[in-house]
PDB file of N, CA and C in Angstrom:
ATOM      1  N   MET A   1       0.742  -1.338  -0.128  1.00  0.00           N
ATOM      2  CA  MET A   1       0.000  -0.207  -0.105  1.00  0.00           C
ATOM      3  C   MET A   1       0.791   1.090   0.046  1.00  0.00           C
ATOM      4  N   ARG A   2       0.593   1.926  -1.007  1.00  0.00           N
ATOM      5  CA  ARG A   2       1.095   3.580  -0.580  1.00  0.00           C
ATOM      6  C   ARG A   2       0.604   4.467  -0.044  1.00  0.00           C
ATOM      7  N   ILE A   3       1.372   5.047   0.856  1.00  0.00           N
ATOM      8  CA  ILE A   3       0.591   5.967   1.369  1.00  0.00           C
ATOM      9  C   ILE A   3       0.716   7.667   1.028  1.00  0.00           C
ATOM     10  N   ILE A   4       0.178   8.595   0.924  1.00  0.00           N
ATOM     11  CA  ILE A   4      -0.137  10.164   0.488  1.00  0.00           C
ATOM     12  C   ILE A   4      -0.463  10.507   2.076  1.00  0.00           C
ATOM     13  N   TYR A   5       0.012  12.096   1.538  1.00  0.00           N
ATOM     14  CA  TYR A   5      -0.167  12.657   3.199  1.00  0.00           C
ATOM     15  C   TYR A   5      -1.049  13.982   2.648  1.00  0.00           C
ATOM     16  N   LYS A   6      -2.046  14.733   3.333  1.00  0.00           N
ATOM     17  CA  LYS A   6      -2.622  15.762   2.959  1.00  0.00           C
ATOM     18  C   LYS A   6      -2.747  16.375   4.785  1.00  0.00           C
ATOM     19  N   ILE A   7      -2.080  17.658   4.546  1.00  0.00           N
ATOM     20  CA  ILE A   7      -2.225  18.662   5.610  1.00  0.00           C
ATOM     21  C   ILE A   7      -3.324  19.478   5.736  1.00  0.00           C
ATOM     22  N   CYS A   8      -4.052  19.609   6.616  1.00  0.00           N
ATOM     23  CA  CYS A   8      -5.386  20.237   6.833  1.00  0.00           C
ATOM     24  C   CYS A   8      -5.727  20.866   8.274  1.00  0.00           C
ATOM     25  N   PRO A   9      -6.157  22.083   7.918  1.00  0.00           N
ATOM     26  CA  PRO A   9      -6.673  22.957   9.104  1.00  0.00           C
ATOM     27  C   PRO A   9      -7.806  21.837  10.117  1.00  0.00           C
ATOM     28  N   LYS A  10      -8.064  21.559  11.455  1.00  0.00           N
ATOM     29  CA  LYS A  10      -8.872  20.404  11.700  1.00  0.00           C
ATOM     30  C   LYS A  10     -10.040  21.471  11.710  1.00  0.00           C
ATOM     31  N   SER A  11     -10.526  22.763  11.342  1.00  0.00           N
ATOM     32  CA  SER A  11     -12.069  22.738  11.079  1.00  0.00           C
ATOM     33  C   SER A  11     -12.362  22.442   9.949  1.00  0.00           C
ATOM     34  N   LEU A  12     -11.410  22.233   8.809  1.00  0.00           N
ATOM     35  CA  LEU A  12     -11.550  22.299   7.654  1.00  0.00           C
ATOM     36  C   LEU A  12     -11.952  20.447   7.574  1.00  0.00           C
ATOM     37  N   TRP A  13     -11.215  20.039   7.932  1.00  0.00           N
ATOM     38  CA  TRP A  13     -11.418  18.682   8.147  1.00  0.00           C
ATOM     39  C   TRP A  13     -12.571  18.172   9.231  1.00  0.00           C
ATOM     40  N   GLU A  14     -13.388  18.707  10.128  1.00  0.00           N
ATOM     41  CA  GLU A  14     -14.253  18.607  10.530  1.00  0.00           C
ATOM     42  C   GLU A  14     -15.598  18.562  10.173  1.00  0.00           C
ATOM     43  N   GLU A  15     -15.522  19.879   9.103  1.00  0.00           N
ATOM     44  CA  GLU A  15     -16.318  20.010   7.894  1.00  0.00           C
ATOM     45  C   GLU A  15     -16.531  18.765   7.254  1.00  0.00           C
ATOM     46  N   ALA A  16     -15.568  18.265   6.851  1.00  0.00           N
ATOM     47  CA  ALA A  16     -15.624  17.017   5.778  1.00  0.00           C
ATOM     48  C   ALA A  16     -16.102  15.806   6.020  1.00  0.00           C
ATOM     49  N   GLU A  17     -15.523  15.171   7.920  1.00  0.00           N
ATOM     50  CA  GLU A  17     -16.284  14.678   8.276  1.00  0.00           C
ATOM     51  C   GLU A  17     -17.858  14.410   8.425  1.00  0.00           C
ATOM     52  N   LYS A  18     -18.530  15.800   8.650  1.00  0.00           N
ATOM     53  CA  LYS A  18     -19.963  16.251   8.538  1.00  0.00           C
ATOM     54  C   LYS A  18     -20.345  16.107   7.325  1.00  0.00           C
ATOM     55  N   ALA A  19     -19.851  16.521   6.229  1.00  0.00           N
ATOM     56  CA  ALA A  19     -20.306  15.959   4.777  1.00  0.00           C
ATOM     57  C   ALA A  19     -19.979  14.734   4.162  1.00  0.00           C
ATOM     58  N   GLY A  20     -18.776  14.128   4.882  1.00  0.00           N
ATOM     59  CA  GLY A  20     -18.381  12.796   4.565  1.00  0.00           C
ATOM     60  C   GLY A  20     -17.839  12.316   3.189  1.00  0.00           C
ATOM     61  N   ILE A  21     -17.381  13.800   2.803  1.00  0.00           N
ATOM     62  CA  ILE A  21     -16.132  13.863   1.826  1.00  0.00           C
ATOM     63  C   ILE A  21     -15.606  14.998   2.098  1.00  0.00           C
ATOM     64  N   PHE A  22     -14.324  14.958   1.468  1.00  0.00           N
ATOM     65  CA  PHE A  22     -13.586  16.280   1.313  1.00  0.00           C
ATOM     66  C   PHE A  22     -13.255  16.867  -0.065  1.00  0.00           C
ATOM     67  N   VAL A  23     -13.461  18.127   0.226  1.00  0.00           N
ATOM     68  CA  VAL A  23     -13.909  18.517  -1.016  1.00  0.00           C
ATOM     69  C   VAL A  23     -12.640  19.405  -1.374  1.00  0.00           C
ATOM     70  N   GLY A  24     -11.410  19.532  -0.783  1.00  0.00           N
ATOM     71  CA  GLY A  24     -10.325  20.407  -0.482  1.00  0.00           C
ATOM     72  C   GLY A  24     -10.322  21.691  -0.194  1.00  0.00           C
ATOM     73  N   ALA A  25      -9.110  21.973   0.232  1.00  0.00           N
ATOM     74  CA  ALA A  25      -8.945  23.736   0.996  1.00  0.00           C
ATOM     75  C   ALA A  25      -9.158  24.609  -0.416  1.00  0.00           C
ATOM     76  N   PRO A  26      -9.003  25.692  -0.019  1.00  0.00           N
ATOM     77  CA  PRO A  26      -9.208  26.951  -1.077  1.00  0.00           C
ATOM     78  C   PRO A  26      -7.837  26.521  -1.987  1.00  0.00           C
ATOM     79  N   ILE A  27      -6.984  26.389  -1.420  1.00  0.00           N
ATOM     80  CA  ILE A  27      -5.744  26.185  -2.703  1.00  0.00           C
ATOM     81  C   ILE A  27      -6.302  25.406  -3.835  1.00  0.00           C
ATOM     82  N   ASP A  28      -6.563  23.852  -3.116  1.00  0.00           N
ATOM     83  CA  ASP A  28      -7.326  23.120  -3.868  1.00  0.00           C
ATOM     84  C   ASP A  28      -8.301  23.379  -4.932  1.00  0.00           C
ATOM     85  N   ILE A  29      -9.222  24.148  -4.484  1.00  0.00           N
ATOM     86  CA  ILE A  29     -10.434  24.537  -5.387  1.00  0.00           C
ATOM     87  C   ILE A  29      -9.867  25.185  -6.464  1.00  0.00           C
ATOM     88  N   GLN A  30      -9.012  25.861  -5.843  1.00  0.00           N
ATOM     89  CA  GLN A  30      -8.040  27.731  -7.190  1.00  0.00           C
ATOM     90  C   GLN A  30      -8.002  26.547  -7.521  1.00  0.00           C
ATOM     91  N   ASP A  31      -6.694  25.593  -7.837  1.00  0.00           N
ATOM     92  CA  ASP A  31      -6.090  24.643  -8.602  1.00  0.00           C
ATOM     93  C   ASP A  31      -6.492  23.266  -9.482  1.00  0.00           C
ATOM     94  N   GLY A  32      -7.682  22.982  -8.879  1.00  0.00           N
ATOM     95  CA  GLY A  32      -8.578  21.871  -9.691  1.00  0.00           C
ATOM     96  C   GLY A  32      -8.356  20.736  -9.496  1.00  0.00           C
ATOM     97  N   TYR A  33      -7.913  20.754  -8.503  1.00  0.00           N
ATOM     98  CA  TYR A  33      -7.219  19.500  -7.555  1.00  0.00           C
ATOM     99  C   TYR A  33      -6.706  19.446  -6.094  1.00  0.00           C
ATOM    100  N   LEU A  34      -6.192  18.066  -5.038  1.00  0.00           N
ATOM    101  CA  LEU A  34      -6.378  18.179  -4.061  1.00  0.00           C
ATOM    102  C   LEU A  34      -4.585  18.453  -3.922  1.00  0.00           C
ATOM    103  N   HIS A  35      -4.212  18.863  -3.459  1.00  0.00           N
ATOM    104  CA  HIS A  35      -2.640  18.851  -3.338  1.00  0.00           C
ATOM    105  C   HIS A  35      -2.227  17.440  -2.199  1.00  0.00           C
ATOM    106  N   PHE A  36      -1.769  16.700  -2.350  1.00  0.00           N
ATOM    107  CA  PHE A  36      -0.993  15.938  -1.334  1.00  0.00           C
ATOM    108  C   PHE A  36       0.391  15.647  -1.311  1.00  0.00           C
ATOM    109  N   SER A  37       1.167  15.306  -0.175  1.00  0.00           N
ATOM    110  CA  SER A  37       3.090  15.083  -0.622  1.00  0.00           C
ATOM    111  C   SER A  37       2.810  13.598  -0.094  1.00  0.00           C
ATOM    112  N   THR A  38       4.225  13.121  -0.553  1.00  0.00           N
ATOM    113  CA  THR A  38       4.483  11.791  -0.283  1.00  0.00           C
ATOM    114  C   THR A  38       5.380  11.579   0.908  1.00  0.00           C
ATOM    115  N   GLU A  39       5.508  10.617   1.849  1.00  0.00           N
ATOM    116  CA  GLU A  39       6.501  11.217   3.107  1.00  0.00           C
ATOM    117  C   GLU A  39       8.037  11.990   2.670  1.00  0.00           C
ATOM    118  N   LYS A  40       8.804  11.767   1.602  1.00  0.00           N
ATOM    119  CA  LYS A  40       9.617  11.996   1.598  1.00  0.00           C
ATOM    120  C   LYS A  40       9.844  13.837   1.202  1.00  0.00           C
ATOM    121  N   GLN A  41       8.113  14.368   0.505  1.00  0.00           N
ATOM    122  CA  GLN A  41       8.305  15.681   0.587  1.00  0.00           C
ATOM    123  C   GLN A  41       7.392  16.704   1.523  1.00  0.00           C
ATOM    124  N   LEU A  42       6.570  15.388   2.919  1.00  0.00           N
ATOM    125  CA  LEU A  42       5.822  15.757   3.713  1.00  0.00           C
ATOM    126  C   LEU A  42       6.613  17.166   4.596  1.00  0.00           C
ATOM    127  N   ARG A  43       8.067  17.038   5.146  1.00  0.00           N
ATOM    128  CA  ARG A  43       8.497  18.007   6.168  1.00  0.00           C
ATOM    129  C   ARG A  43       8.533  19.297   5.063  1.00  0.00           C
ATOM    130  N   GLU A  44       8.739  19.321   3.760  1.00  0.00           N
ATOM    131  CA  GLU A  44       9.207  20.731   3.074  1.00  0.00           C
ATOM    132  C   GLU A  44       8.009  21.229   2.819  1.00  0.00           C
ATOM    133  N   THR A  45       6.612  20.503   2.209  1.00  0.00           N
ATOM    134  CA  THR A  45       5.381  21.153   2.444  1.00  0.00           C
ATOM    135  C   THR A  45       5.328  21.743   3.582  1.00  0.00           C
ATOM    136  N   VAL A  46       5.406  21.000   4.657  1.00  0.00           N
ATOM    137  CA  VAL A  46       4.719  21.783   5.980  1.00  0.00           C
ATOM    138  C   VAL A  46       5.802  23.243   6.311  1.00  0.00           C
ATOM    139  N   ALA A  47       7.180  23.203   6.073  1.00  0.00           N
ATOM    140  CA  ALA A  47       7.576  24.246   6.321  1.00  0.00           C
ATOM    141  C   ALA A  47       7.496  24.998   4.948  1.00  0.00           C
ATOM    142  N   LYS A  48       6.907  24.769   4.003  1.00  0.00           N
ATOM    143  CA  LYS A  48       7.151  26.087   2.698  1.00  0.00           C
ATOM    144  C   LYS A  48       5.331  26.848   3.134  1.00  0.00           C
ATOM    145  N   HIS A  49       4.478  25.833   3.150  1.00  0.00           N
ATOM    146  CA  HIS A  49       2.966  26.469   3.318  1.00  0.00           C
ATOM    147  C   HIS A  49       2.286  26.522   4.336  1.00  0.00           C
ATOM    148  N   PHE A  50       2.677  26.120   5.684  1.00  0.00           N
ATOM    149  CA  PHE A  50       2.271  25.739   6.645  1.00  0.00           C
ATOM    150  C   PHE A  50       3.261  26.007   8.224  1.00  0.00           C
ATOM    151  N   THR A  51       4.311  26.832   7.653  1.00  0.00           N
ATOM    152  CA  THR A  51       4.948  27.294   9.188  1.00  0.00           C
ATOM    153  C   THR A  51       4.128  28.486   9.979  1.00  0.00           C
ATOM    154  N   GLY A  52       4.281  28.177  11.486  1.00  0.00           N
ATOM    155  CA  GLY A  52       3.478  28.586  12.355  1.00  0.00           C
ATOM    156  C   GLY A  52       2.040  28.181  12.454  1.00  0.00           C
ATOM    157  N   GLN A  53       1.463  27.557  11.806  1.00  0.00           N
ATOM    158  CA  GLN A  53      -0.233  27.208  11.880  1.00  0.00           C
ATOM    159  C   GLN A  53      -0.331  26.244  12.695  1.00  0.00           C
ATOM    160  N   SER A  54      -1.196  26.575  13.827  1.00  0.00           N
ATOM    161  CA  SER A  54      -1.609  25.746  14.749  1.00  0.00           C
ATOM    162  C   SER A  54      -3.082  24.835  14.238  1.00  0.00           C
ATOM    163  N   ASP A  55      -3.153  23.894  14.971  1.00  0.00           N
ATOM    164  CA  ASP A  55      -4.438  23.264  14.983  1.00  0.00           C
ATOM    165  C   ASP A  55      -4.287  22.579  13.192  1.00  0.00           C
ATOM    166  N   LEU A  56      -3.144  22.234  12.940  1.00  0.00           N
ATOM    167  CA  LEU A  56      -3.616  21.503  11.561  1.00  0.00           C
ATOM    168  C   LEU A  56      -3.681  19.749  12.112  1.00  0.00           C
ATOM    169  N   LEU A  57      -4.145  18.988  11.146  1.00  0.00           N
ATOM    170  CA  LEU A  57      -3.817  17.512  10.964  1.00  0.00           C
ATOM    171  C   LEU A  57      -3.354  17.214  10.105  1.00  0.00           C
ATOM    172  N   LEU A  58      -2.523  15.997  10.181  1.00  0.00           N
ATOM    173  CA  LEU A  58      -1.915  15.249   9.161  1.00  0.00           C
ATOM    174  C   LEU A  58      -2.548  13.721   8.609  1.00  0.00           C
ATOM    175  N   ILE A  59      -3.226  13.810   7.731  1.00  0.00           N
ATOM    176  CA  ILE A  59      -4.060  12.617   7.646  1.00  0.00           C
ATOM    177  C   ILE A  59      -3.189  11.971   6.491  1.00  0.00           C
ATOM    178  N   GLY A  60      -3.087  10.570   6.669  1.00  0.00           N
ATOM    179  CA  GLY A  60      -2.318   9.333   6.026  1.00  0.00           C
ATOM    180  C   GLY A  60      -3.912   8.666   5.041  1.00  0.00           C
ATOM    181  N   ILE A  61      -3.665   8.726   4.245  1.00  0.00           N
ATOM    182  CA  ILE A  61      -4.389   8.366   2.844  1.00  0.00           C
ATOM    183  C   ILE A  61      -3.890   7.117   1.820  1.00  0.00           C
ATOM    184  N   ASP A  62      -4.737   6.214   1.709  1.00  0.00           N
ATOM    185  CA  ASP A  62      -4.408   5.233   0.920  1.00  0.00           C
ATOM    186  C   ASP A  62      -4.577   5.185  -0.611  1.00  0.00           C
ATOM    187  N   ALA A  63      -3.534   5.502  -0.987  1.00  0.00           N
ATOM    188  CA  ALA A  63      -3.041   6.066  -2.820  1.00  0.00           C
ATOM    189  C   ALA A  63      -3.684   5.479  -3.452  1.00  0.00           C
ATOM    190  N   ASP A  64      -3.776   3.710  -3.405  1.00  0.00           N
ATOM    191  CA  ASP A  64      -3.934   2.864  -4.130  1.00  0.00           C
ATOM    192  C   ASP A  64      -5.442   2.904  -4.038  1.00  0.00           C
ATOM    193  N   SER A  65      -6.184   3.016  -3.232  1.00  0.00           N
ATOM    194  CA  SER A  65      -7.578   3.109  -3.294  1.00  0.00           C
ATOM    195  C   SER A  65      -8.512   4.573  -4.303  1.00  0.00           C
ATOM    196  N   LEU A  66      -7.223   5.582  -4.790  1.00  0.00           N
ATOM    197  CA  LEU A  66      -7.894   6.375  -5.562  1.00  0.00           C
ATOM    198  C   LEU A  66      -8.041   6.533  -7.310  1.00  0.00           C
ATOM    199  N   GLY A  67      -7.340   5.481  -7.794  1.00  0.00           N
ATOM    200  CA  GLY A  67      -7.684   5.064  -9.067  1.00  0.00           C
ATOM    201  C   GLY A  67      -7.159   6.033  -9.805  1.00  0.00           C
ATOM    202  N   ASP A  68      -7.646   5.994 -10.943  1.00  0.00           N
ATOM    203  CA  ASP A  68      -6.860   6.757 -11.715  1.00  0.00           C
ATOM    204  C   ASP A  68      -6.714   8.654 -11.833  1.00  0.00           C
ATOM    205  N   ALA A  69      -8.367   8.868 -10.740  1.00  0.00           N
ATOM    206  CA  ALA A  69      -8.295  10.278 -10.546  1.00  0.00           C
ATOM    207  C   ALA A  69      -6.885  10.580  -9.660  1.00  0.00           C
ATOM    208  N   LEU A  70      -5.922   9.920  -9.238  1.00  0.00           N
ATOM    209  CA  LEU A  70      -4.695  10.106  -8.746  1.00  0.00           C
ATOM    210  C   LEU A  70      -3.946  10.554  -9.711  1.00  0.00           C
ATOM    211  N   ARG A  71      -2.884  11.522  -9.686  1.00  0.00           N
ATOM    212  CA  ARG A  71      -2.306  11.424 -10.836  1.00  0.00           C
ATOM    213  C   ARG A  71      -0.752  12.308 -10.099  1.00  0.00           C
ATOM    214  N   PHE A  72       0.406  11.613 -10.295  1.00  0.00           N
ATOM    215  CA  PHE A  72       1.615  12.015 -10.004  1.00  0.00           C
ATOM    216  C   PHE A  72       2.498  12.970 -11.021  1.00  0.00           C
ATOM    217  N   GLU A  73       2.528  14.309 -10.404  1.00  0.00           N
ATOM    218  CA  GLU A  73       2.557  15.663 -11.360  1.00  0.00           C
ATOM    219  C   GLU A  73       3.888  15.954 -11.161  1.00  0.00           C
ATOM    220  N   PRO A  74       4.732  16.765 -12.341  1.00  0.00           N
ATOM    221  CA  PRO A  74       6.240  17.421 -11.705  1.00  0.00           C
ATOM    222  C   PRO A  74       5.562  18.827 -11.042  1.00  0.00           C
ATOM    223  N   SER A  75       6.302  19.472 -10.183  1.00  0.00           N
ATOM    224  CA  SER A  75       5.738  20.442  -9.530  1.00  0.00           C
ATOM    225  C   SER A  75       7.422  21.079  -9.051  1.00  0.00           C
ATOM    226  N   ARG A  76       7.690  21.388  -7.479  1.00  0.00           N
ATOM    227  CA  ARG A  76       8.430  21.976  -6.769  1.00  0.00           C
ATOM    228  C   ARG A  76       9.789  21.168  -7.650  1.00  0.00           C
ATOM    229  N   GLY A  77      10.857  21.791  -7.639  1.00  0.00           N
ATOM    230  CA  GLY A  77      12.149  21.344  -8.394  1.00  0.00           C
ATOM    231  C   GLY A  77      11.777  19.518  -9.597  1.00  0.00           C
ATOM    232  N   GLY A  78      10.666  20.190  -9.851  1.00  0.00           N
ATOM    233  CA  GLY A  78      10.731  18.664 -10.960  1.00  0.00           C
ATOM    234  C   GLY A  78      10.043  17.484 -10.271  1.00  0.00           C
ATOM    235  N   ASP A  79      10.427  17.502  -8.946  1.00  0.00           N
ATOM    236  CA  ASP A  79       9.502  16.541  -8.283  1.00  0.00           C
ATOM    237  C   ASP A  79       8.231  15.965  -8.671  1.00  0.00           C
ATOM    238  N   LEU A  80       7.614  14.720  -8.470  1.00  0.00           N
ATOM    239  CA  LEU A  80       6.329  14.597  -8.927  1.00  0.00           C
ATOM    240  C   LEU A  80       5.741  14.534  -7.358  1.00  0.00           C
ATOM    241  N   PHE A  81       4.677  15.210  -7.545  1.00  0.00           N
ATOM    242  CA  PHE A  81       3.707  15.288  -6.751  1.00  0.00           C
ATOM    243  C   PHE A  81       2.166  15.004  -6.761  1.00  0.00           C
ATOM    244  N   PRO A  82       1.724  14.058  -5.565  1.00  0.00           N
ATOM    245  CA  PRO A  82       0.606  13.313  -6.029  1.00  0.00           C
ATOM    246  C   PRO A  82      -0.472  14.465  -5.704  1.00  0.00           C
ATOM    247  N   HIS A  83      -1.314  14.465  -6.884  1.00  0.00           N
ATOM    248  CA  HIS A  83      -2.739  15.148  -7.235  1.00  0.00           C
ATOM    249  C   HIS A  83      -3.879  14.519  -7.276  1.00  0.00           C
ATOM    250  N   LEU A  84      -4.839  15.097  -6.604  1.00  0.00           N
ATOM    251  CA  LEU A  84      -5.843  13.913  -6.571  1.00  0.00           C
ATOM    252  C   LEU A  84      -7.214  15.038  -7.625  1.00  0.00           C
ATOM    253  N   TYR A  85      -7.889  14.569  -9.132  1.00  0.00           N
ATOM    254  CA  TYR A  85      -8.363  14.924  -9.432  1.00  0.00           C
ATOM    255  C   TYR A  85     -10.010  14.712  -9.265  1.00  0.00           C
ATOM    256  N   ALA A  86     -10.597  14.756  -7.891  1.00  0.00           N
ATOM    257  CA  ALA A  86     -12.043  14.245  -7.440  1.00  0.00           C
ATOM    258  C   ALA A  86     -11.461  15.125  -5.945  1.00  0.00           C
ATOM    259  N   HIS A  87     -13.046  14.570  -5.493  1.00  0.00           N
ATOM    260  CA  HIS A  87     -12.974  14.711  -3.806  1.00  0.00           C
ATOM    261  C   HIS A  87     -12.315  13.469  -3.389  1.00  0.00           C
ATOM    262  N   LEU A  88     -12.119  13.412  -2.357  1.00  0.00           N
ATOM    263  CA  LEU A  88     -11.211  12.718  -1.490  1.00  0.00           C
ATOM    264  C   LEU A  88     -12.130  11.987  -0.688  1.00  0.00           C
ATOM    265  N   PRO A  89     -12.851  10.434  -0.902  1.00  0.00           N
ATOM    266  CA  PRO A  89     -13.527  10.133  -0.359  1.00  0.00           C
ATOM    267  C   PRO A  89     -13.205   9.303   1.181  1.00  0.00           C
ATOM    268  N   LEU A  90     -14.044   9.537   2.056  1.00  0.00           N
ATOM    269  CA  LEU A  90     -13.186   9.393   3.404  1.00  0.00           C
ATOM    270  C   LEU A  90     -12.874   8.352   3.752  1.00  0.00           C
ATOM    271  N   SER A  91     -13.388   6.723   2.487  1.00  0.00           N
ATOM    272  CA  SER A  91     -13.069   5.830   3.108  1.00  0.00           C
ATOM    273  C   SER A  91     -11.627   5.324   2.436  1.00  0.00           C
ATOM    274  N   ALA A  92     -10.665   6.711   1.763  1.00  0.00           N
ATOM    275  CA  ALA A  92      -9.398   6.172   1.310  1.00  0.00           C
ATOM    276  C   ALA A  92      -8.714   6.574   2.505  1.00  0.00           C
ATOM    277  N   VAL A  93      -9.023   7.162   3.745  1.00  0.00           N
ATOM    278  CA  VAL A  93      -8.353   7.404   4.582  1.00  0.00           C
ATOM    279  C   VAL A  93      -7.788   6.789   5.713  1.00  0.00           C
ATOM    280  N   LEU A  94      -6.454   6.823   6.024  1.00  0.00           N
ATOM    281  CA  LEU A  94      -6.431   5.520   7.089  1.00  0.00           C
ATOM    282  C   LEU A  94      -6.013   5.898   8.376  1.00  0.00           C
ATOM    283  N   TRP A  95      -5.766   7.190   8.656  1.00  0.00           N
ATOM    284  CA  TRP A  95      -5.998   7.661   9.746  1.00  0.00           C
ATOM    285  C   TRP A  95      -5.320   9.068   9.824  1.00  0.00           C
ATOM    286  N   VAL A  96      -5.877   9.928  10.972  1.00  0.00           N
ATOM    287  CA  VAL A  96      -5.574  11.200  11.027  1.00  0.00           C
ATOM    288  C   VAL A  96      -5.141  11.782  12.397  1.00  0.00           C
ATOM    289  N   LYS A  97      -4.305  12.011  12.409  1.00  0.00           N
ATOM    290  CA  LYS A  97      -3.132  12.899  13.781  1.00  0.00           C
ATOM    291  C   LYS A  97      -3.234  13.971  13.316  1.00  0.00           C
ATOM    292  N   PRO A  98      -2.765  14.267  14.973  1.00  0.00           N
ATOM    293  CA  PRO A  98      -2.739  15.948  14.760  1.00  0.00           C
ATOM    294  C   PRO A  98      -1.120  16.525  14.973  1.00  0.00           C
ATOM    295  N   LEU A  99      -1.296  17.619  14.015  1.00  0.00           N
ATOM    296  CA  LEU A  99       0.292  18.089  13.706  1.00  0.00           C
ATOM    297  C   LEU A  99       0.686  19.300  14.591  1.00  0.00           C
ATOM    298  N   PRO A 100       1.157  19.191  15.698  1.00  0.00           N
ATOM    299  CA  PRO A 100       1.094  20.089  16.808  1.00  0.00           C
ATOM    300  C   PRO A 100       2.407  21.144  16.624  1.00  0.00           C
ATOM    301  N   LEU A 101       2.375  22.492  17.279  1.00  0.00           N
ATOM    302  CA  LEU A 101       3.280  23.199  16.952  1.00  0.00           C
ATOM    303  C   LEU A 101       4.377  22.930  18.887  1.00  0.00           C
ATOM    304  N   GLY A 102       5.916  22.671  18.182  1.00  0.00           N
ATOM    305  CA  GLY A 102       6.466  22.558  19.479  1.00  0.00           C
ATOM    306  C   GLY A 102       7.023  23.939  19.833  1.00  0.00           C
ATOM    307  N   ALA A 103       7.482  23.799  20.652  1.00  0.00           N
ATOM    308  CA  ALA A 103       7.619  25.058  21.368  1.00  0.00           C
ATOM    309  C   ALA A 103       8.695  25.986  20.483  1.00  0.00           C
ATOM    310  N   ASP A 104       9.666  25.257  20.007  1.00  0.00           N
ATOM    311  CA  ASP A 104      10.341  25.917  19.113  1.00  0.00           C
ATOM    312  C   ASP A 104       9.795  26.560  17.866  1.00  0.00           C
ATOM    313  N   GLY A 105       8.610  26.606  17.677  1.00  0.00           N
ATOM    314  CA  GLY A 105       7.841  26.689  16.616  1.00  0.00           C
ATOM    315  C   GLY A 105       7.721  25.797  15.258  1.00  0.00           C
ATOM    316  N   GLN A 106       8.471  24.985  15.763  1.00  0.00           N
ATOM    317  CA  GLN A 106       8.325  24.021  14.625  1.00  0.00           C
ATOM    318  C   GLN A 106       7.025  22.641  14.578  1.00  0.00           C
ATOM    319  N   HIS A 107       6.705  22.298  13.732  1.00  0.00           N
ATOM    320  CA  HIS A 107       5.388  20.965  13.181  1.00  0.00           C
ATOM    321  C   HIS A 107       6.218  19.686  14.543  1.00  0.00           C
ATOM    322  N   ILE A 108       5.775  19.134  15.372  1.00  0.00           N
ATOM    323  CA  ILE A 108       6.053  17.878  15.961  1.00  0.00           C
ATOM    324  C   ILE A 108       5.443  16.639  15.034  1.00  0.00           C
ATOM    325  N   PHE A 109       6.127  16.107  14.103  1.00  0.00           N
ATOM    326  CA  PHE A 109       5.403  14.440  13.112  1.00  0.00           C
ATOM    327  C   PHE A 109       5.302  13.741  13.906  1.00  0.00           C
ATOM    328  N   PRO A 110       3.970  13.157  14.022  1.00  0.00           N
ATOM    329  CA  PRO A 110       3.457  12.164  14.684  1.00  0.00           C
ATOM    330  C   PRO A 110       4.112  10.488  13.603  1.00  0.00           C
ATOM    331  N   ASP A 111       4.224   9.618  14.484  1.00  0.00           N
ATOM    332  CA  ASP A 111       4.431   8.564  13.671  1.00  0.00           C
ATOM    333  C   ASP A 111       3.405   8.040  12.332  1.00  0.00           C
ATOM    334  N   LEU A 112       4.263   7.805  11.347  1.00  0.00           N
ATOM    335  CA  LEU A 112       3.549   7.465  10.154  1.00  0.00           C
ATOM    336  C   LEU A 112       3.043   6.595   9.987  1.00  0.00           C
ATOM    337  N   ALA A 113       3.309   5.846  10.577  1.00  0.00           N
ATOM    338  CA  ALA A 113       2.897   4.334  10.311  1.00  0.00           C
ATOM    339  C   ALA A 113       1.279   4.252  10.391  1.00  0.00           C
ATOM    340  N   PRO A 114       0.493   3.334   9.546  1.00  0.00           N
ATOM    341  CA  PRO A 114      -0.690   3.282   9.390  1.00  0.00           C
ATOM    342  C   PRO A 114      -1.184   2.600  10.979  1.00  0.00           C
TER     343      PRO A 114
END
């Protein structure tokens, strides 16, 4: 199983849980696809786009369950990033874990095991 990751504000994820589907953050909606990261890309993504933000969640997703709507496309530095051209069904979510800020202002990553 391949796992990809979504960083999401807690309030936005709570809305998704109520609706039964995740339609995306404002940047996802603007770009026309949901942005994800691989494990290798995760820390850089958090540093680049979420520095200093609290109340974030890290969501582990079964990439293999997303079918052809998931594409790995060139982005930062030519690296291939996972993009989902569909809404995220909550059935693909393996786990949801807090991504808190430490005393030093850096995010504390949870164990990424399923």
